[in-house]
Amino acid sequence: MSVLSPCARNCCLDQQDICIGCGRTVQEIVRWGGADDEEKHEILMSAQARRLEREKLVGTLHSRYNRNS
């Protein structure tokens, strides 16, 4: 079974050229089509870590904003 793309069809790059929808870098998105399953799994793990870090950061900023409102 092949590894499915994490594309969330919410393509928008942040300042570091990371997609806010799937968490992949531009380089990972471009490489995806030619990557083998092992590399795709590595990309998925990296993207997931970036998404979790972004969610944590957004949660922290949201908490700070709510305390100051």
Protein backbone atom coordinates (compact mmCIF):
# COMPACT_ATOMS: atom_id res chain seq x y z
CA MET A 1 0.00 0.00 0.00
CA SER A 2 1.41 3.40 -0.93
CA VAL A 3 1.66 6.29 1.51
CA LEU A 4 -1.08 8.86 1.05
CA SER A 5 -0.23 12.52 0.67
CA PRO A 6 -0.90 14.64 3.75
CA CYS A 7 -2.14 17.47 1.55
CA ALA A 8 -5.07 19.16 3.31
CA ARG A 9 -5.94 21.34 0.28
CA ASN A 10 -5.22 24.36 2.46
CA CYS A 11 -2.03 25.40 0.70
CA CYS A 12 -0.55 28.56 2.09
CA LEU A 13 3.12 29.00 2.95
CA ASP A 14 4.33 30.76 6.07
CA GLN A 15 7.48 32.88 6.37
CA GLN A 16 9.65 29.72 6.52
CA ASP A 17 8.05 28.25 3.36
CA ILE A 18 6.13 25.65 5.37
CA CYS A 19 2.57 24.84 4.32
CA ILE A 20 0.11 25.75 7.05
CA GLY A 21 -2.24 23.01 5.83
CA CYS A 22 0.00 19.93 5.86
CA GLY A 23 3.16 21.11 7.63
CA ARG A 24 5.53 20.15 4.81
CA THR A 25 8.30 22.38 3.54
CA VAL A 26 8.32 23.44 -0.10
CA GLN A 27 11.20 21.01 -0.71
CA GLU A 28 9.21 18.13 0.83
CA ILE A 29 6.15 18.95 -1.27
CA VAL A 30 8.24 18.95 -4.45
CA ARG A 31 10.04 15.70 -3.47
CA TRP A 32 6.84 13.85 -2.52
CA GLY A 33 6.02 12.47 -5.97
CA GLY A 34 9.45 10.86 -6.41
CA ALA A 35 9.96 9.75 -2.81
CA ASP A 36 9.85 6.10 -1.78
CA ASP A 37 7.62 5.00 1.11
CA GLU A 38 10.42 5.28 3.68
CA GLU A 39 11.15 8.87 2.69
CA LYS A 40 7.42 9.68 2.66
CA HIS A 41 7.13 8.38 6.23
CA GLU A 42 10.05 10.59 7.25
CA ILE A 43 8.39 13.57 5.61
CA LEU A 44 5.12 12.78 7.39
CA MET A 45 6.83 12.59 10.77
CA SER A 46 8.64 15.90 10.22
CA ALA A 47 5.46 17.58 9.02
CA GLN A 48 3.51 16.30 12.01
CA ALA A 49 6.15 17.64 14.40
CA ARG A 50 5.99 21.06 12.72
CA ARG A 51 2.17 21.11 12.89
CA LEU A 52 2.22 20.22 16.59
CA GLU A 53 4.81 22.91 17.29
CA ARG A 54 2.70 25.47 15.40
CA GLU A 55 -0.41 24.46 17.36
CA LYS A 56 1.49 24.81 20.62
CA LEU A 57 2.77 28.25 19.61
CA VAL A 58 -0.67 29.41 18.51
CA GLY A 59 -2.17 28.15 21.77
CA THR A 60 0.45 30.04 23.78
CA LEU A 61 -0.13 33.25 21.83
CA HIS A 62 -3.90 32.83 22.16
CA SER A 63 -3.58 32.39 25.95
CA ARG A 64 -1.42 35.50 26.23
CA TYR A 65 -3.85 37.52 24.14
CA ASN A 66 -6.83 36.42 26.25
CA ARG A 67 -5.05 37.35 29.49
CA ASN A 68 -4.28 40.82 28.14
CA SER A 69 -7.80 41.49 26.83
